[in-house]
Protein backbone atom coordinates (compact mmCIF):
# COMPACT_ATOMS: atom_id res chain seq x y z
CA MET A 1 -11.31 24.18 -0.87
CA MET A 2 -9.13 22.24 -3.14
CA THR A 3 -10.76 19.82 -5.42
CA PHE A 4 -9.79 17.15 -7.80
CA LYS A 5 -11.40 15.55 -10.74
CA ILE A 6 -11.32 11.92 -11.42
CA SER A 7 -8.55 12.22 -13.92
CA GLU A 8 -6.29 14.17 -11.91
CA LEU A 9 -6.17 11.66 -9.03
CA ALA A 10 -6.04 8.73 -11.33
CA ASN A 11 -2.88 10.58 -12.96
CA GLU A 12 -1.26 11.46 -9.80
CA PHE A 13 -1.58 8.03 -8.08
CA LYS A 14 -0.96 6.14 -11.45
CA ILE A 15 -4.06 4.28 -11.36
CA THR A 16 -7.31 4.29 -13.44
CA PRO A 17 -10.53 5.97 -13.11
CA ARG A 18 -12.18 2.64 -13.02
CA SER A 19 -10.32 1.76 -9.96
CA ILE A 20 -11.30 5.26 -8.21
CA ARG A 21 -14.80 4.50 -8.93
CA PHE A 22 -14.57 0.98 -7.60
CA TYR A 23 -13.57 2.60 -4.56
CA GLU A 24 -16.31 4.96 -4.47
CA ASP A 25 -18.75 1.94 -5.17
CA ILE A 26 -17.34 -0.36 -2.00
CA GLY A 27 -17.55 3.02 0.13
CA LEU A 28 -14.05 3.67 0.69
CA LEU A 29 -14.42 7.09 -1.17
CA SER A 30 -17.40 9.49 -1.09
CA PRO A 31 -16.85 12.48 -3.46
CA LYS A 32 -19.21 15.13 -4.09
CA ARG A 33 -21.27 15.64 -7.21
CA ASP A 34 -21.21 18.71 -9.38
CA GLY A 35 -23.95 17.60 -11.70
CA VAL A 36 -22.94 14.33 -13.18
CA ASN A 37 -19.37 14.84 -12.60
CA ARG A 38 -17.47 13.63 -9.27
CA VAL A 39 -15.34 16.25 -7.31
CA TYR A 40 -12.88 14.92 -5.12
CA GLY A 41 -11.75 16.92 -1.92
CA ARG A 42 -8.52 16.62 0.10
CA ARG A 43 -9.93 14.08 2.46
CA ASP A 44 -10.71 11.77 -0.56
CA LYS A 45 -7.14 12.20 -1.92
CA ILE A 46 -5.58 11.46 1.69
CA ARG A 47 -7.95 8.46 1.69
CA LEU A 48 -6.95 7.17 -1.77
CA GLY A 49 -3.41 7.16 -0.79
CA LEU A 50 -4.05 5.40 2.05
CA ILE A 51 -5.95 2.79 0.27
CA LEU A 52 -2.94 2.31 -2.17
CA ARG A 53 -0.59 2.10 0.73
CA GLY A 54 -2.66 -0.45 2.68
CA LYS A 55 -3.00 -2.44 -0.56
CA ARG A 56 0.60 -2.51 -0.95
CA LEU A 57 1.04 -3.60 2.74
CA GLY A 58 -1.26 -6.55 2.27
CA PHE A 59 -4.34 -5.28 3.86
CA SER A 60 -7.78 -6.15 1.99
CA LEU A 61 -10.00 -3.59 0.90
CA GLN A 62 -12.44 -4.83 3.64
CA GLU A 63 -9.83 -4.12 6.47
CA ILE A 64 -8.89 -0.82 4.99
CA GLY A 65 -12.37 0.09 5.11
CA GLU A 66 -12.71 -1.11 8.64
CA LEU A 67 -9.81 1.26 9.63
CA PHE A 68 -11.49 4.08 7.93
CA SER A 69 -14.47 3.28 9.92
CA LEU A 70 -12.74 3.89 13.26
CA TYR A 71 -12.51 7.46 12.28
CA ASP A 72 -15.85 7.93 10.84
CA ASP A 73 -17.96 5.87 13.48
CA ASN A 74 -18.27 5.76 17.31
CA LYS A 75 -17.23 1.86 17.74
CA SER A 76 -18.23 -0.48 20.36
CA HIS A 77 -15.69 -2.12 22.68
CA ASP A 78 -15.78 -5.37 20.75
CA GLN A 79 -15.20 -3.79 17.53
CA LEU A 80 -12.28 -1.93 18.62
CA LEU A 81 -10.88 -5.24 20.32
CA SER A 82 -11.58 -6.91 16.73
CA MET A 83 -9.74 -4.19 14.87
CA ILE A 84 -6.83 -4.23 17.46
CA ASP A 85 -6.48 -8.05 16.56
CA ILE A 86 -6.38 -7.33 13.01
CA ILE A 87 -3.78 -4.48 13.38
CA ASP A 88 -1.59 -6.96 15.65
CA GLN A 89 -1.73 -9.66 13.35
CA LYS A 90 -0.87 -7.42 10.18
CA GLN A 91 1.91 -5.92 12.28
CA ARG A 92 3.34 -9.50 12.97
CA GLN A 93 2.78 -10.56 9.16
CA LEU A 94 4.55 -7.49 8.16
CA THR A 95 7.68 -8.02 10.63
CA HIS A 96 7.80 -11.51 9.32
CA GLN A 97 7.93 -10.08 5.60
CA ARG A 98 10.65 -7.65 6.76
CA ASP A 99 12.64 -10.28 8.28
CA ASP A 100 12.41 -12.44 5.08
CA ILE A 101 13.63 -9.58 2.90
CA ASP A 102 16.57 -8.65 5.10
CA ILE A 103 17.53 -12.28 5.16
CA THR A 104 17.17 -12.29 1.22
CA LEU A 105 19.22 -9.28 0.85
CA ILE A 106 22.10 -10.76 2.97
CA GLU A 107 22.02 -13.69 0.78
CA LEU A 108 22.03 -11.50 -2.24
CA GLU A 109 24.88 -9.63 -1.14
CA ARG A 110 26.76 -12.84 -0.40
CA ALA A 111 26.03 -14.09 -3.95
CA LYS A 112 26.92 -11.25 -5.55
CA LYS A 113 30.47 -11.14 -3.68
CA ARG A 114 31.04 -14.72 -4.73
CA CYS A 115 30.34 -13.76 -8.29
CA LYS A 116 32.77 -10.81 -8.15
CA GLN A 117 35.41 -12.85 -6.57
CA ALA A 118 34.88 -15.50 -9.21
CA LEU A 119 35.14 -12.91 -12.10
CA ILE A 120 38.39 -11.50 -10.31
CA LYS A 121 39.58 -15.15 -10.49
CA SER A 122 38.83 -15.65 -13.93
CA GLU A 123 40.26 -12.30 -15.10
CA LEU A 124 43.64 -13.43 -13.36
CA TYR A 125 43.88 -16.88 -15.25
CA LYS A 126 43.16 -15.13 -18.59
CA ASN A 127 46.08 -12.99 -18.09
CA LYS A 128 48.50 -15.80 -17.09
């Protein structure tokens, strides 16, 4: 079984060991112990990557924990419906953000084009 030290995961994911311990404290990670040392397995490494991706996408740590719990526990019908609502809401939010980014990229490209055209005009006038 492949195992990792906290420092190895911290280096790989470019985060602090303190952050990893925090995720453990709130129940998102559950490493095994070898004496006083934490020993992280492949599952912990995958979960850590998912935690960080979820945070980048705007999920709260609570939402990430709820998503993890779907795979860990048997959930009631109401809990599953609630999670579907959370996921739908996050999908709408991310789609809106993507649309905003697309619009901003188009506007930036237009601004760059205008700057280049102005630069060409200024060079032409300099050379006269």
